[in-house]
Amino acid sequence: MDVVRGGASVDPEIAALWERIQGELHSNQRAIVQSIHRKKALMPGLGVDRATDILWTLNRPAVWHLLTHDRGWTPKRYERWLAEASCSELLRTAPGR
């Protein structure tokens, strides 16, 4: 991903690929959020657009890399954190509330 991102600034074709990848990642998160919204489980006052942006940010490959590679988290620890953070930020009745 770093290579594609870096190349996007100098090559229009790679820039188009980068934009497509980002759009697909965002669309995948939107599908998850829309499912939560249909179940009326989104936190009150949190719309689909904002919730999608939050989940897209939390679930970025770069965040995975930073925490598991740079900070030494195990995949299990990352998975647990991502689940807890996502629930806390998105769900009407997040665990621990």
PDB file of N, CA and C in Angstrom:
ATOM      1  N   MET A   1       0.820  -1.187   0.000  1.00  0.00           N
ATOM      2  CA  MET A   1       0.000   0.000   0.000  1.00  0.00           C
ATOM      3  C   MET A   1       0.867   1.254   0.000  1.00  0.00           C
ATOM      4  N   ASP A   2       1.980   1.214   0.712  1.00  0.00           N
ATOM      5  CA  ASP A   2       2.860   2.389   0.749  1.00  0.00           C
ATOM      6  C   ASP A   2       3.422   2.694  -0.635  1.00  0.00           C
ATOM      7  N   VAL A   3       3.744   1.656  -1.397  1.00  0.00           N
ATOM      8  CA  VAL A   3       4.282   1.857  -2.738  1.00  0.00           C
ATOM      9  C   VAL A   3       3.240   2.507  -3.638  1.00  0.00           C
ATOM     10  N   VAL A   4       2.010   2.007  -3.577  1.00  0.00           N
ATOM     11  CA  VAL A   4       0.944   2.575  -4.399  1.00  0.00           C
ATOM     12  C   VAL A   4       0.677   4.015  -3.971  1.00  0.00           C
ATOM     13  N   ARG A   5       0.591   4.232  -2.687  1.00  0.00           N
ATOM     14  CA  ARG A   5       0.338   5.594  -2.189  1.00  0.00           C
ATOM     15  C   ARG A   5       1.434   6.562  -2.632  1.00  0.00           C
ATOM     16  N   GLY A   6       2.690   6.121  -2.515  1.00  0.00           N
ATOM     17  CA  GLY A   6       3.803   6.968  -2.935  1.00  0.00           C
ATOM     18  C   GLY A   6       3.805   7.216  -4.430  1.00  0.00           C
ATOM     19  N   GLY A   7       3.495   6.192  -5.192  1.00  0.00           N
ATOM     20  CA  GLY A   7       3.472   6.321  -6.636  1.00  0.00           C
ATOM     21  C   GLY A   7       2.330   7.184  -7.142  1.00  0.00           C
ATOM     22  N   ALA A   8       1.288   7.295  -6.358  1.00  0.00           N
ATOM     23  CA  ALA A   8       0.111   8.072  -6.774  1.00  0.00           C
ATOM     24  C   ALA A   8       0.440   9.538  -7.005  1.00  0.00           C
ATOM     25  N   SER A   9       1.445  10.036  -6.339  1.00  0.00           N
ATOM     26  CA  SER A   9       1.786  11.453  -6.492  1.00  0.00           C
ATOM     27  C   SER A   9       2.546  11.752  -7.786  1.00  0.00           C
ATOM     28  N   VAL A  10       3.045  10.710  -8.447  1.00  0.00           N
ATOM     29  CA  VAL A  10       3.836  10.948  -9.660  1.00  0.00           C
ATOM     30  C   VAL A  10       3.286  10.272 -10.913  1.00  0.00           C
ATOM     31  N   ASP A  11       2.305   9.395 -10.743  1.00  0.00           N
ATOM     32  CA  ASP A  11       1.787   8.661 -11.902  1.00  0.00           C
ATOM     33  C   ASP A  11       0.259   8.671 -11.880  1.00  0.00           C
ATOM     34  N   PRO A  12      -0.366   9.220 -12.913  1.00  0.00           N
ATOM     35  CA  PRO A  12      -1.829   9.313 -12.935  1.00  0.00           C
ATOM     36  C   PRO A  12      -2.538   7.952 -12.868  1.00  0.00           C
ATOM     37  N   GLU A  13      -1.952   6.929 -13.480  1.00  0.00           N
ATOM     38  CA  GLU A  13      -2.574   5.602 -13.425  1.00  0.00           C
ATOM     39  C   GLU A  13      -2.528   5.026 -12.020  1.00  0.00           C
ATOM     40  N   ILE A  14      -1.404   5.211 -11.349  1.00  0.00           N
ATOM     41  CA  ILE A  14      -1.291   4.736  -9.969  1.00  0.00           C
ATOM     42  C   ILE A  14      -2.196   5.572  -9.069  1.00  0.00           C
ATOM     43  N   ALA A  15      -2.314   6.859  -9.353  1.00  0.00           N
ATOM     44  CA  ALA A  15      -3.221   7.711  -8.588  1.00  0.00           C
ATOM     45  C   ALA A  15      -4.654   7.216  -8.715  1.00  0.00           C
ATOM     46  N   ALA A  16      -5.042   6.813  -9.916  1.00  0.00           N
ATOM     47  CA  ALA A  16      -6.394   6.275 -10.126  1.00  0.00           C
ATOM     48  C   ALA A  16      -6.575   4.965  -9.368  1.00  0.00           C
ATOM     49  N   LEU A  17      -5.539   4.125  -9.359  1.00  0.00           N
ATOM     50  CA  LEU A  17      -5.604   2.868  -8.601  1.00  0.00           C
ATOM     51  C   LEU A  17      -5.752   3.161  -7.114  1.00  0.00           C
ATOM     52  N   TRP A  18      -4.966   4.103  -6.601  1.00  0.00           N
ATOM     53  CA  TRP A  18      -5.045   4.475  -5.183  1.00  0.00           C
ATOM     54  C   TRP A  18      -6.449   4.954  -4.826  1.00  0.00           C
ATOM     55  N   GLU A  19      -7.013   5.801  -5.653  1.00  0.00           N
ATOM     56  CA  GLU A  19      -8.364   6.309  -5.411  1.00  0.00           C
ATOM     57  C   GLU A  19      -9.387   5.174  -5.436  1.00  0.00           C
ATOM     58  N   ARG A  20      -9.224   4.245  -6.360  1.00  0.00           N
ATOM     59  CA  ARG A  20     -10.147   3.104  -6.423  1.00  0.00           C
ATOM     60  C   ARG A  20     -10.047   2.244  -5.164  1.00  0.00           C
ATOM     61  N   ILE A  21      -8.830   1.974  -4.721  1.00  0.00           N
ATOM     62  CA  ILE A  21      -8.628   1.184  -3.498  1.00  0.00           C
ATOM     63  C   ILE A  21      -9.279   1.884  -2.312  1.00  0.00           C
ATOM     64  N   GLN A  22      -9.049   3.194  -2.184  1.00  0.00           N
ATOM     65  CA  GLN A  22      -9.624   3.942  -1.068  1.00  0.00           C
ATOM     66  C   GLN A  22     -11.145   3.943  -1.134  1.00  0.00           C
ATOM     67  N   GLY A  23     -11.689   4.112  -2.328  1.00  0.00           N
ATOM     68  CA  GLY A  23     -13.138   4.090  -2.497  1.00  0.00           C
ATOM     69  C   GLY A  23     -13.745   2.748  -2.126  1.00  0.00           C
ATOM     70  N   GLU A  24     -13.070   1.670  -2.517  1.00  0.00           N
ATOM     71  CA  GLU A  24     -13.569   0.332  -2.191  1.00  0.00           C
ATOM     72  C   GLU A  24     -13.502   0.070  -0.694  1.00  0.00           C
ATOM     73  N   LEU A  25     -12.418   0.494  -0.051  1.00  0.00           N
ATOM     74  CA  LEU A  25     -12.318   0.330   1.405  1.00  0.00           C
ATOM     75  C   LEU A  25     -13.451   1.086   2.111  1.00  0.00           C
ATOM     76  N   HIS A  26     -13.695   2.300   1.670  1.00  0.00           N
ATOM     77  CA  HIS A  26     -14.753   3.106   2.273  1.00  0.00           C
ATOM     78  C   HIS A  26     -16.122   2.471   2.016  1.00  0.00           C
ATOM     79  N   SER A  27     -16.355   1.998   0.816  1.00  0.00           N
ATOM     80  CA  SER A  27     -17.638   1.352   0.484  1.00  0.00           C
ATOM     81  C   SER A  27     -17.872   0.104   1.327  1.00  0.00           C
ATOM     82  N   ASN A  28     -16.824  -0.670   1.565  1.00  0.00           N
ATOM     83  CA  ASN A  28     -16.954  -1.866   2.405  1.00  0.00           C
ATOM     84  C   ASN A  28     -17.353  -1.495   3.832  1.00  0.00           C
ATOM     85  N   GLN A  29     -16.762  -0.419   4.349  1.00  0.00           N
ATOM     86  CA  GLN A  29     -17.114   0.015   5.704  1.00  0.00           C
ATOM     87  C   GLN A  29     -18.548   0.539   5.737  1.00  0.00           C
ATOM     88  N   ARG A  30     -18.961   1.231   4.666  1.00  0.00           N
ATOM     89  CA  ARG A  30     -20.333   1.746   4.584  1.00  0.00           C
ATOM     90  C   ARG A  30     -21.339   0.591   4.622  1.00  0.00           C
ATOM     91  N   ALA A  31     -21.046  -0.495   3.945  1.00  0.00           N
ATOM     92  CA  ALA A  31     -21.958  -1.646   3.952  1.00  0.00           C
ATOM     93  C   ALA A  31     -22.139  -2.184   5.374  1.00  0.00           C
ATOM     94  N   ILE A  32     -21.065  -2.238   6.123  1.00  0.00           N
ATOM     95  CA  ILE A  32     -21.143  -2.695   7.515  1.00  0.00           C
ATOM     96  C   ILE A  32     -21.992  -1.722   8.333  1.00  0.00           C
ATOM     97  N   VAL A  33     -21.723  -0.437   8.193  1.00  0.00           N
ATOM     98  CA  VAL A  33     -22.452   0.579   8.945  1.00  0.00           C
ATOM     99  C   VAL A  33     -23.932   0.583   8.565  1.00  0.00           C
ATOM    100  N   GLN A  34     -24.238   0.436   7.299  1.00  0.00           N
ATOM    101  CA  GLN A  34     -25.640   0.402   6.881  1.00  0.00           C
ATOM    102  C   GLN A  34     -26.373  -0.781   7.503  1.00  0.00           C
ATOM    103  N   SER A  35     -25.693  -1.899   7.635  1.00  0.00           N
ATOM    104  CA  SER A  35     -26.290  -3.057   8.297  1.00  0.00           C
ATOM    105  C   SER A  35     -26.586  -2.748   9.769  1.00  0.00           C
ATOM    106  N   ILE A  36     -25.651  -2.102  10.426  1.00  0.00           N
ATOM    107  CA  ILE A  36     -25.857  -1.703  11.822  1.00  0.00           C
ATOM    108  C   ILE A  36     -27.011  -0.709  11.918  1.00  0.00           C
ATOM    109  N   HIS A  37     -27.058   0.231  10.987  1.00  0.00           N
ATOM    110  CA  HIS A  37     -28.114   1.242  10.970  1.00  0.00           C
ATOM    111  C   HIS A  37     -29.492   0.599  10.769  1.00  0.00           C
ATOM    112  N   ARG A  38     -29.577  -0.346   9.854  1.00  0.00           N
ATOM    113  CA  ARG A  38     -30.869  -1.031   9.611  1.00  0.00           C
ATOM    114  C   ARG A  38     -31.373  -1.739  10.865  1.00  0.00           C
ATOM    115  N   LYS A  39     -30.458  -2.179  11.701  1.00  0.00           N
ATOM    116  CA  LYS A  39     -30.825  -2.852  12.952  1.00  0.00           C
ATOM    117  C   LYS A  39     -31.078  -1.859  14.077  1.00  0.00           C
ATOM    118  N   LYS A  40     -30.999  -0.551  13.738  1.00  0.00           N
ATOM    119  CA  LYS A  40     -31.201   0.532  14.705  1.00  0.00           C
ATOM    120  C   LYS A  40     -30.227   0.426  15.887  1.00  0.00           C
ATOM    121  N   ALA A  41     -28.998   0.037  15.571  1.00  0.00           N
ATOM    122  CA  ALA A  41     -27.997  -0.168  16.609  1.00  0.00           C
ATOM    123  C   ALA A  41     -26.911   0.902  16.619  1.00  0.00           C
ATOM    124  N   LEU A  42     -26.976   1.885  15.685  1.00  0.00           N
ATOM    125  CA  LEU A  42     -25.994   2.969  15.714  1.00  0.00           C
ATOM    126  C   LEU A  42     -26.234   3.856  16.928  1.00  0.00           C
ATOM    127  N   MET A  43     -25.170   4.406  17.438  1.00  0.00           N
ATOM    128  CA  MET A  43     -25.250   5.337  18.552  1.00  0.00           C
ATOM    129  C   MET A  43     -26.183   6.496  18.174  1.00  0.00           C
ATOM    130  N   PRO A  44     -27.046   6.912  19.101  1.00  0.00           N
ATOM    131  CA  PRO A  44     -27.943   8.035  18.799  1.00  0.00           C
ATOM    132  C   PRO A  44     -27.164   9.264  18.341  1.00  0.00           C
ATOM    133  N   GLY A  45     -27.672   9.887  17.293  1.00  0.00           N
ATOM    134  CA  GLY A  45     -27.054  11.085  16.755  1.00  0.00           C
ATOM    135  C   GLY A  45     -25.917  10.822  15.779  1.00  0.00           C
ATOM    136  N   LEU A  46     -25.550   9.573  15.612  1.00  0.00           N
ATOM    137  CA  LEU A  46     -24.464   9.215  14.705  1.00  0.00           C
ATOM    138  C   LEU A  46     -25.061   8.749  13.382  1.00  0.00           C
ATOM    139  N   GLY A  47     -24.856   9.519  12.343  1.00  0.00           N
ATOM    140  CA  GLY A  47     -25.387   9.168  11.036  1.00  0.00           C
ATOM    141  C   GLY A  47     -24.503   8.170  10.312  1.00  0.00           C
ATOM    142  N   VAL A  48     -25.032   7.633   9.235  1.00  0.00           N
ATOM    143  CA  VAL A  48     -24.311   6.632   8.443  1.00  0.00           C
ATOM    144  C   VAL A  48     -23.014   7.203   7.882  1.00  0.00           C
ATOM    145  N   ASP A  49     -23.045   8.420   7.385  1.00  0.00           N
ATOM    146  CA  ASP A  49     -21.837   9.000   6.792  1.00  0.00           C
ATOM    147  C   ASP A  49     -20.707   9.121   7.813  1.00  0.00           C
ATOM    148  N   ARG A  50     -21.017   9.699   8.953  1.00  0.00           N
ATOM    149  CA  ARG A  50     -19.987   9.882   9.984  1.00  0.00           C
ATOM    150  C   ARG A  50     -19.519   8.536  10.537  1.00  0.00           C
ATOM    151  N   ALA A  51     -20.456   7.625  10.765  1.00  0.00           N
ATOM    152  CA  ALA A  51     -20.092   6.304  11.269  1.00  0.00           C
ATOM    153  C   ALA A  51     -19.200   5.563  10.277  1.00  0.00           C
ATOM    154  N   THR A  52     -19.489   5.725   8.992  1.00  0.00           N
ATOM    155  CA  THR A  52     -18.653   5.092   7.972  1.00  0.00           C
ATOM    156  C   THR A  52     -17.241   5.656   8.018  1.00  0.00           C
ATOM    157  N   ASP A  53     -17.125   6.965   8.140  1.00  0.00           N
ATOM    158  CA  ASP A  53     -15.800   7.577   8.227  1.00  0.00           C
ATOM    159  C   ASP A  53     -15.038   7.086   9.452  1.00  0.00           C
ATOM    160  N   ILE A  54     -15.727   6.940  10.570  1.00  0.00           N
ATOM    161  CA  ILE A  54     -15.082   6.464  11.800  1.00  0.00           C
ATOM    162  C   ILE A  54     -14.581   5.038  11.611  1.00  0.00           C
ATOM    163  N   LEU A  55     -15.441   4.160  11.104  1.00  0.00           N
ATOM    164  CA  LEU A  55     -15.032   2.771  10.915  1.00  0.00           C
ATOM    165  C   LEU A  55     -13.927   2.668   9.880  1.00  0.00           C
ATOM    166  N   TRP A  56     -14.017   3.438   8.815  1.00  0.00           N
ATOM    167  CA  TRP A  56     -12.984   3.458   7.769  1.00  0.00           C
ATOM    168  C   TRP A  56     -11.641   3.848   8.367  1.00  0.00           C
ATOM    169  N   THR A  57     -11.643   4.820   9.270  1.00  0.00           N
ATOM    170  CA  THR A  57     -10.412   5.278   9.909  1.00  0.00           C
ATOM    171  C   THR A  57      -9.854   4.217  10.844  1.00  0.00           C
ATOM    172  N   LEU A  58     -10.705   3.645  11.674  1.00  0.00           N
ATOM    173  CA  LEU A  58     -10.246   2.623  12.617  1.00  0.00           C
ATOM    174  C   LEU A  58      -9.710   1.386  11.913  1.00  0.00           C
ATOM    175  N   ASN A  59     -10.315   1.013  10.808  1.00  0.00           N
ATOM    176  CA  ASN A  59     -10.033  -0.253  10.147  1.00  0.00           C
ATOM    177  C   ASN A  59      -9.049  -0.109   8.979  1.00  0.00           C
ATOM    178  N   ARG A  60      -8.219   0.910   9.018  1.00  0.00           N
ATOM    179  CA  ARG A  60      -7.251   1.147   7.951  1.00  0.00           C
ATOM    180  C   ARG A  60      -6.089   0.155   8.032  1.00  0.00           C
ATOM    181  N   PRO A  61      -5.619  -0.330   6.897  1.00  0.00           N
ATOM    182  CA  PRO A  61      -4.422  -1.175   6.919  1.00  0.00           C
ATOM    183  C   PRO A  61      -3.223  -0.487   7.578  1.00  0.00           C
ATOM    184  N   ALA A  62      -3.138   0.832   7.436  1.00  0.00           N
ATOM    185  CA  ALA A  62      -2.020   1.564   8.051  1.00  0.00           C
ATOM    186  C   ALA A  62      -2.077   1.476   9.577  1.00  0.00           C
ATOM    187  N   VAL A  63      -3.277   1.491  10.151  1.00  0.00           N
ATOM    188  CA  VAL A  63      -3.409   1.386  11.608  1.00  0.00           C
ATOM    189  C   VAL A  63      -2.950   0.003  12.064  1.00  0.00           C
ATOM    190  N   TRP A  64      -3.363  -1.028  11.326  1.00  0.00           N
ATOM    191  CA  TRP A  64      -2.913  -2.406  11.604  1.00  0.00           C
ATOM    192  C   TRP A  64      -1.381  -2.446  11.594  1.00  0.00           C
ATOM    193  N   HIS A  65      -0.783  -1.892  10.558  1.00  0.00           N
ATOM    194  CA  HIS A  65       0.668  -1.923  10.418  1.00  0.00           C
ATOM    195  C   HIS A  65       1.349  -1.161  11.552  1.00  0.00           C
ATOM    196  N   LEU A  66       0.854   0.013  11.870  1.00  0.00           N
ATOM    197  CA  LEU A  66       1.454   0.800  12.952  1.00  0.00           C
ATOM    198  C   LEU A  66       1.446   0.037  14.270  1.00  0.00           C
ATOM    199  N   LEU A  67       0.307  -0.558  14.594  1.00  0.00           N
ATOM    200  CA  LEU A  67       0.194  -1.206  15.900  1.00  0.00           C
ATOM    201  C   LEU A  67       0.877  -2.566  15.955  1.00  0.00           C
ATOM    202  N   THR A  68       0.749  -3.354  14.901  1.00  0.00           N
ATOM    203  CA  THR A  68       1.348  -4.695  14.955  1.00  0.00           C
ATOM    204  C   THR A  68       2.829  -4.687  14.580  1.00  0.00           C
ATOM    205  N   HIS A  69       3.193  -3.890  13.609  1.00  0.00           N
ATOM    206  CA  HIS A  69       4.591  -3.876  13.168  1.00  0.00           C
ATOM    207  C   HIS A  69       5.429  -2.890  13.975  1.00  0.00           C
ATOM    208  N   ASP A  70       4.995  -1.654  14.009  1.00  0.00           N
ATOM    209  CA  ASP A  70       5.794  -0.618  14.667  1.00  0.00           C
ATOM    210  C   ASP A  70       5.733  -0.682  16.188  1.00  0.00           C
ATOM    211  N   ARG A  71       4.570  -1.033  16.729  1.00  0.00           N
ATOM    212  CA  ARG A  71       4.407  -1.033  18.184  1.00  0.00           C
ATOM    213  C   ARG A  71       4.431  -2.425  18.801  1.00  0.00           C
ATOM    214  N   GLY A  72       4.495  -3.468  17.981  1.00  0.00           N
ATOM    215  CA  GLY A  72       4.675  -4.823  18.491  1.00  0.00           C
ATOM    216  C   GLY A  72       3.428  -5.501  19.036  1.00  0.00           C
ATOM    217  N   TRP A  73       2.255  -4.972  18.730  1.00  0.00           N
ATOM    218  CA  TRP A  73       1.033  -5.631  19.181  1.00  0.00           C
ATOM    219  C   TRP A  73       0.889  -6.970  18.472  1.00  0.00           C
ATOM    220  N   THR A  74       0.314  -7.935  19.172  1.00  0.00           N
ATOM    221  CA  THR A  74      -0.020  -9.196  18.513  1.00  0.00           C
ATOM    222  C   THR A  74      -1.291  -8.997  17.688  1.00  0.00           C
ATOM    223  N   PRO A  75      -1.489  -9.826  16.674  1.00  0.00           N
ATOM    224  CA  PRO A  75      -2.739  -9.732  15.918  1.00  0.00           C
ATOM    225  C   PRO A  75      -3.969  -9.862  16.814  1.00  0.00           C
ATOM    226  N   LYS A  76      -3.900 -10.714  17.819  1.00  0.00           N
ATOM    227  CA  LYS A  76      -5.034 -10.901  18.738  1.00  0.00           C
ATOM    228  C   LYS A  76      -5.320  -9.619  19.518  1.00  0.00           C
ATOM    229  N   ARG A  77      -4.269  -8.986  20.004  1.00  0.00           N
ATOM    230  CA  ARG A  77      -4.450  -7.729  20.744  1.00  0.00           C
ATOM    231  C   ARG A  77      -5.062  -6.664  19.834  1.00  0.00           C
ATOM    232  N   TYR A  78      -4.585  -6.557  18.598  1.00  0.00           N
ATOM    233  CA  TYR A  78      -5.144  -5.602  17.648  1.00  0.00           C
ATOM    234  C   TYR A  78      -6.614  -5.901  17.385  1.00  0.00           C
ATOM    235  N   GLU A  79      -6.924  -7.158  17.163  1.00  0.00           N
ATOM    236  CA  GLU A  79      -8.307  -7.554  16.899  1.00  0.00           C
ATOM    237  C   GLU A  79      -9.220  -7.158  18.055  1.00  0.00           C
ATOM    238  N   ARG A  80      -8.771  -7.413  19.266  1.00  0.00           N
ATOM    239  CA  ARG A  80      -9.554  -7.062  20.460  1.00  0.00           C
ATOM    240  C   ARG A  80      -9.753  -5.544  20.550  1.00  0.00           C
ATOM    241  N   TRP A  81      -8.674  -4.789  20.337  1.00  0.00           N
ATOM    242  CA  TRP A  81      -8.761  -3.335  20.383  1.00  0.00           C
ATOM    243  C   TRP A  81      -9.706  -2.805  19.313  1.00  0.00           C
ATOM    244  N   LEU A  82      -9.579  -3.302  18.089  1.00  0.00           N
ATOM    245  CA  LEU A  82     -10.425  -2.826  17.002  1.00  0.00           C
ATOM    246  C   LEU A  82     -11.896  -3.116  17.300  1.00  0.00           C
ATOM    247  N   ALA A  83     -12.191  -4.281  17.814  1.00  0.00           N
ATOM    248  CA  ALA A  83     -13.573  -4.615  18.156  1.00  0.00           C
ATOM    249  C   ALA A  83     -14.099  -3.676  19.248  1.00  0.00           C
ATOM    250  N   GLU A  84     -13.308  -3.466  20.294  1.00  0.00           N
ATOM    251  CA  GLU A  84     -13.735  -2.601  21.390  1.00  0.00           C
ATOM    252  C   GLU A  84     -13.898  -1.147  20.931  1.00  0.00           C
ATOM    253  N   ALA A  85     -12.941  -0.648  20.166  1.00  0.00           N
ATOM    254  CA  ALA A  85     -13.000   0.732  19.690  1.00  0.00           C
ATOM    255  C   ALA A  85     -14.184   0.929  18.744  1.00  0.00           C
ATOM    256  N   SER A  86     -14.403  -0.027  17.858  1.00  0.00           N
ATOM    257  CA  SER A  86     -15.517   0.076  16.911  1.00  0.00           C
ATOM    258  C   SER A  86     -16.850   0.070  17.641  1.00  0.00           C
ATOM    259  N   CYS A  87     -16.997  -0.842  18.586  1.00  0.00           N
ATOM    260  CA  CYS A  87     -18.244  -0.897  19.360  1.00  0.00           C
ATOM    261  C   CYS A  87     -18.455   0.388  20.149  1.00  0.00           C
ATOM    262  N   SER A  88     -17.406   0.864  20.783  1.00  0.00           N
ATOM    263  CA  SER A  88     -17.500   2.073  21.602  1.00  0.00           C
ATOM    264  C   SER A  88     -17.876   3.295  20.770  1.00  0.00           C
ATOM    265  N   GLU A  89     -17.349   3.389  19.574  1.00  0.00           N
ATOM    266  CA  GLU A  89     -17.586   4.553  18.724  1.00  0.00           C
ATOM    267  C   GLU A  89     -18.905   4.480  17.948  1.00  0.00           C
ATOM    268  N   LEU A  90     -19.407   3.283  17.684  1.00  0.00           N
ATOM    269  CA  LEU A  90     -20.524   3.147  16.754  1.00  0.00           C
ATOM    270  C   LEU A  90     -21.836   2.659  17.351  1.00  0.00           C
ATOM    271  N   LEU A  91     -21.768   1.811  18.362  1.00  0.00           N
ATOM    272  CA  LEU A  91     -22.972   1.107  18.784  1.00  0.00           C
ATOM    273  C   LEU A  91     -23.758   1.816  19.885  1.00  0.00           C
ATOM    274  N   ARG A  92     -25.045   1.688  19.761  1.00  0.00           N
ATOM    275  CA  ARG A  92     -25.982   2.246  20.728  1.00  0.00           C
ATOM    276  C   ARG A  92     -25.683   1.751  22.133  1.00  0.00           C
ATOM    277  N   THR A  93     -25.495   0.486  22.281  1.00  0.00           N
ATOM    278  CA  THR A  93     -25.216  -0.103  23.588  1.00  0.00           C
ATOM    279  C   THR A  93     -23.894  -0.839  23.505  1.00  0.00           C
ATOM    280  N   ALA A  94     -22.821  -0.080  23.550  1.00  0.00           N
ATOM    281  CA  ALA A  94     -21.484  -0.675  23.491  1.00  0.00           C
ATOM    282  C   ALA A  94     -21.196  -1.405  24.791  1.00  0.00           C
ATOM    283  N   PRO A  95     -20.432  -2.492  24.726  1.00  0.00           N
ATOM    284  CA  PRO A  95     -20.054  -3.195  25.952  1.00  0.00           C
ATOM    285  C   PRO A  95     -19.372  -2.257  26.928  1.00  0.00           C
ATOM    286  N   GLY A  96     -19.673  -2.401  28.194  1.00  0.00           N
ATOM    287  CA  GLY A  96     -19.063  -1.580  29.218  1.00  0.00           C
ATOM    288  C   GLY A  96     -19.769  -0.264  29.497  1.00  0.00           C
ATOM    289  N   ARG A  97     -20.869  -0.010  28.800  1.00  0.00           N
ATOM    290  CA  ARG A  97     -21.613   1.243  29.031  1.00  0.00           C
ATOM    291  C   ARG A  97     -22.759   1.012  29.971  1.00  0.00           C
TER     292      ARG A  97
END
